[in-house]
Amino acid sequence: MYEVIIHMQNEDPIVAEMEKLPDPTHLNILVTNPRRRDGKPLPYATEGARAFVFPWSRISFVEIMSGEEEEKEVEEFFRES
């Protein structure tokens, strides 16, 4: 499961989960558990709805957030002064 931030045209970004990464050849994307970035529910979503299909034509770009497993694999280097 991937956590993503979806930037739609003329809308505030939303946070959601995707089972697999979006394919640019598809006409839409499927997301689950969409919410505002502060965790509040979307004002235009019906209460209880958990999955949404958004057309690519409304999306500017999608940010794919790193998961806990990926963060464990990354080694951070820093210099102490």
N, C-alpha and C. Protein backbone atom coordinates (compact mmCIF):
# COMPACT_ATOMS: atom_id res chain seq x y z
N MET A 1 0.85 -1.17 0.00
CA MET A 1 0.00 0.00 0.00
C MET A 1 0.90 1.23 0.00
N TYR A 2 0.62 2.16 -0.89
CA TYR A 2 1.39 3.39 -1.01
C TYR A 2 0.56 4.56 -0.50
N GLU A 3 1.18 5.43 0.30
CA GLU A 3 0.52 6.67 0.68
C GLU A 3 0.92 7.72 -0.35
N VAL A 4 -0.07 8.43 -0.89
CA VAL A 4 0.19 9.41 -1.93
C VAL A 4 -0.47 10.74 -1.58
N ILE A 5 0.08 11.81 -2.13
CA ILE A 5 -0.54 13.12 -2.07
C ILE A 5 -0.91 13.48 -3.50
N ILE A 6 -2.20 13.70 -3.73
CA ILE A 6 -2.70 13.97 -5.06
C ILE A 6 -2.97 15.47 -5.19
N HIS A 7 -2.33 16.08 -6.18
CA HIS A 7 -2.52 17.50 -6.46
C HIS A 7 -3.45 17.63 -7.66
N MET A 8 -4.68 18.02 -7.37
CA MET A 8 -5.67 18.18 -8.44
C MET A 8 -5.75 19.65 -8.85
N GLN A 9 -6.14 19.87 -10.08
CA GLN A 9 -6.25 21.22 -10.60
C GLN A 9 -7.32 22.00 -9.84
N ASN A 10 -6.97 23.20 -9.41
CA ASN A 10 -7.87 24.13 -8.73
C ASN A 10 -8.46 23.57 -7.44
N GLU A 11 -7.75 22.66 -6.77
CA GLU A 11 -8.20 22.07 -5.51
C GLU A 11 -6.99 21.97 -4.58
N ASP A 12 -7.27 21.88 -3.29
CA ASP A 12 -6.21 21.61 -2.32
C ASP A 12 -5.77 20.15 -2.47
N PRO A 13 -4.51 19.86 -2.20
CA PRO A 13 -4.04 18.47 -2.30
C PRO A 13 -4.76 17.58 -1.29
N ILE A 14 -4.88 16.31 -1.62
CA ILE A 14 -5.47 15.33 -0.71
C ILE A 14 -4.49 14.19 -0.50
N VAL A 15 -4.63 13.51 0.62
CA VAL A 15 -3.82 12.35 0.96
C VAL A 15 -4.69 11.11 0.80
N ALA A 16 -4.13 10.04 0.27
CA ALA A 16 -4.88 8.80 0.09
C ALA A 16 -3.90 7.63 0.01
N GLU A 17 -4.45 6.44 -0.08
CA GLU A 17 -3.64 5.24 -0.26
C GLU A 17 -3.96 4.60 -1.61
N MET A 18 -2.94 3.98 -2.20
CA MET A 18 -3.10 3.27 -3.46
C MET A 18 -2.48 1.88 -3.30
N GLU A 19 -3.14 0.86 -3.85
CA GLU A 19 -2.59 -0.50 -3.78
C GLU A 19 -1.37 -0.65 -4.66
N LYS A 20 -1.42 -0.04 -5.85
CA LYS A 20 -0.27 -0.07 -6.75
C LYS A 20 -0.09 1.30 -7.35
N LEU A 21 1.09 1.55 -7.84
CA LEU A 21 1.39 2.87 -8.40
C LEU A 21 0.58 3.11 -9.67
N PRO A 22 0.22 4.37 -9.92
CA PRO A 22 -0.60 4.67 -11.09
C PRO A 22 0.13 4.40 -12.40
N ASP A 23 -0.63 3.97 -13.37
CA ASP A 23 -0.11 3.72 -14.71
C ASP A 23 -0.50 4.89 -15.60
N PRO A 24 0.45 5.61 -16.18
CA PRO A 24 0.11 6.78 -16.99
C PRO A 24 -0.70 6.46 -18.24
N THR A 25 -0.79 5.19 -18.62
CA THR A 25 -1.60 4.84 -19.79
C THR A 25 -3.08 4.71 -19.46
N HIS A 26 -3.41 4.63 -18.17
CA HIS A 26 -4.81 4.54 -17.76
C HIS A 26 -5.46 5.92 -17.78
N LEU A 27 -6.76 5.96 -17.83
CA LEU A 27 -7.49 7.23 -17.87
C LEU A 27 -7.85 7.75 -16.49
N ASN A 28 -7.69 6.91 -15.44
CA ASN A 28 -8.02 7.33 -14.09
C ASN A 28 -7.17 6.57 -13.08
N ILE A 29 -7.27 7.03 -11.81
CA ILE A 29 -6.58 6.33 -10.73
C ILE A 29 -7.60 5.95 -9.66
N LEU A 30 -7.32 4.88 -8.94
CA LEU A 30 -8.18 4.41 -7.86
C LEU A 30 -7.45 4.60 -6.55
N VAL A 31 -8.08 5.31 -5.61
CA VAL A 31 -7.49 5.55 -4.30
C VAL A 31 -8.47 5.15 -3.21
N THR A 32 -7.94 4.84 -2.04
CA THR A 32 -8.79 4.53 -0.89
C THR A 32 -8.47 5.48 0.24
N ASN A 33 -9.44 5.64 1.13
CA ASN A 33 -9.30 6.46 2.33
C ASN A 33 -8.80 7.87 2.04
N PRO A 34 -9.43 8.60 1.11
CA PRO A 34 -8.98 9.96 0.81
C PRO A 34 -9.34 10.92 1.94
N ARG A 35 -8.47 11.88 2.18
CA ARG A 35 -8.69 12.86 3.24
C ARG A 35 -7.87 14.11 2.94
N ARG A 36 -8.16 15.18 3.67
CA ARG A 36 -7.35 16.39 3.51
C ARG A 36 -6.00 16.15 4.16
N ARG A 37 -5.06 17.01 3.89
CA ARG A 37 -3.70 16.82 4.43
C ARG A 37 -3.66 16.87 5.95
N ASP A 38 -4.63 17.58 6.57
CA ASP A 38 -4.68 17.64 8.03
C ASP A 38 -5.44 16.47 8.64
N GLY A 39 -5.87 15.50 7.80
CA GLY A 39 -6.54 14.31 8.28
C GLY A 39 -8.06 14.42 8.32
N LYS A 40 -8.60 15.60 8.07
CA LYS A 40 -10.05 15.78 8.11
C LYS A 40 -10.68 15.20 6.85
N PRO A 41 -11.95 14.81 6.93
CA PRO A 41 -12.61 14.25 5.74
C PRO A 41 -12.79 15.29 4.64
N LEU A 42 -12.91 14.80 3.41
CA LEU A 42 -13.12 15.69 2.28
C LEU A 42 -14.53 16.26 2.34
N PRO A 43 -14.69 17.57 2.14
CA PRO A 43 -16.02 18.17 2.25
C PRO A 43 -16.98 17.71 1.14
N TYR A 44 -16.47 17.29 0.01
CA TYR A 44 -17.32 16.89 -1.11
C TYR A 44 -17.56 15.38 -1.16
N ALA A 45 -17.03 14.64 -0.19
CA ALA A 45 -17.19 13.18 -0.19
C ALA A 45 -18.36 12.79 0.71
N THR A 46 -19.10 11.80 0.29
CA THR A 46 -20.19 11.27 1.10
C THR A 46 -19.62 10.50 2.27
N GLU A 47 -20.21 10.69 3.46
CA GLU A 47 -19.72 10.00 4.65
C GLU A 47 -19.80 8.49 4.44
N GLY A 48 -18.74 7.81 4.78
CA GLY A 48 -18.68 6.36 4.62
C GLY A 48 -18.02 5.91 3.34
N ALA A 49 -17.87 6.80 2.36
CA ALA A 49 -17.19 6.43 1.11
C ALA A 49 -15.70 6.28 1.40
N ARG A 50 -15.12 5.19 0.92
CA ARG A 50 -13.70 4.94 1.19
C ARG A 50 -12.85 4.85 -0.06
N ALA A 51 -13.43 4.61 -1.21
CA ALA A 51 -12.65 4.48 -2.44
C ALA A 51 -13.17 5.48 -3.47
N PHE A 52 -12.25 6.06 -4.24
CA PHE A 52 -12.60 7.05 -5.24
C PHE A 52 -11.82 6.79 -6.52
N VAL A 53 -12.42 7.13 -7.63
CA VAL A 53 -11.75 7.07 -8.93
C VAL A 53 -11.66 8.50 -9.44
N PHE A 54 -10.44 8.96 -9.67
CA PHE A 54 -10.21 10.32 -10.18
C PHE A 54 -9.66 10.23 -11.59
N PRO A 55 -10.16 11.05 -12.51
CA PRO A 55 -9.62 11.04 -13.87
C PRO A 55 -8.26 11.75 -13.91
N TRP A 56 -7.35 11.23 -14.71
CA TRP A 56 -6.03 11.86 -14.88
C TRP A 56 -6.16 13.30 -15.36
N SER A 57 -7.20 13.60 -16.10
CA SER A 57 -7.37 14.95 -16.65
C SER A 57 -7.52 16.01 -15.56
N ARG A 58 -7.90 15.62 -14.34
CA ARG A 58 -8.05 16.57 -13.24
C ARG A 58 -6.81 16.63 -12.35
N ILE A 59 -5.85 15.76 -12.59
CA ILE A 59 -4.69 15.65 -11.69
C ILE A 59 -3.47 16.33 -12.30
N SER A 60 -2.84 17.20 -11.51
CA SER A 60 -1.60 17.85 -11.95
C SER A 60 -0.41 16.91 -11.75
N PHE A 61 -0.28 16.36 -10.54
CA PHE A 61 0.77 15.38 -10.27
C PHE A 61 0.45 14.63 -8.98
N VAL A 62 1.16 13.51 -8.77
CA VAL A 62 0.97 12.66 -7.60
C VAL A 62 2.32 12.49 -6.91
N GLU A 63 2.35 12.77 -5.61
CA GLU A 63 3.55 12.54 -4.82
C GLU A 63 3.42 11.17 -4.14
N ILE A 64 4.46 10.37 -4.20
CA ILE A 64 4.46 9.05 -3.58
C ILE A 64 5.36 9.14 -2.36
N MET A 65 4.75 8.97 -1.20
CA MET A 65 5.48 9.12 0.05
C MET A 65 6.23 7.83 0.37
N SER A 66 7.37 7.96 1.03
CA SER A 66 8.15 6.78 1.39
C SER A 66 7.51 6.11 2.60
N GLY A 67 7.53 4.79 2.58
CA GLY A 67 6.98 4.02 3.68
C GLY A 67 8.01 3.78 4.76
N GLU A 68 7.57 3.20 5.88
CA GLU A 68 8.48 2.91 6.98
C GLU A 68 9.59 1.95 6.56
N GLU A 69 9.25 0.95 5.72
CA GLU A 69 10.25 -0.02 5.29
C GLU A 69 11.32 0.64 4.45
N GLU A 70 10.92 1.58 3.57
CA GLU A 70 11.90 2.27 2.74
C GLU A 70 12.79 3.16 3.58
N GLU A 71 12.22 3.80 4.61
CA GLU A 71 13.01 4.68 5.46
C GLU A 71 14.07 3.90 6.23
N LYS A 72 13.79 2.66 6.59
CA LYS A 72 14.76 1.84 7.30
C LYS A 72 15.95 1.52 6.41
N GLU A 73 15.71 1.40 5.10
CA GLU A 73 16.78 1.05 4.17
C GLU A 73 17.69 2.22 3.85
N VAL A 74 17.23 3.44 4.05
CA VAL A 74 18.01 4.62 3.71
C VAL A 74 18.99 4.93 4.83
N GLU A 75 20.25 5.07 4.46
CA GLU A 75 21.26 5.45 5.44
C GLU A 75 21.45 6.95 5.34
N GLU A 76 21.37 7.61 6.48
CA GLU A 76 21.54 9.06 6.48
C GLU A 76 22.95 9.40 6.93
N PHE A 77 23.60 10.24 6.15
CA PHE A 77 24.94 10.70 6.49
C PHE A 77 24.87 12.17 6.85
N PHE A 78 25.56 12.56 7.90
CA PHE A 78 25.59 13.96 8.27
C PHE A 78 26.94 14.25 8.90
N ARG A 79 27.27 15.52 8.88
CA ARG A 79 28.56 15.94 9.44
C ARG A 79 28.30 16.75 10.69
N GLU A 80 28.95 16.39 11.77
CA GLU A 80 28.81 17.16 13.00
C GLU A 80 29.86 18.25 12.99
N SER A 81 29.45 19.42 13.50
CA SER A 81 30.40 20.52 13.54
C SER A 81 31.07 20.65 14.87
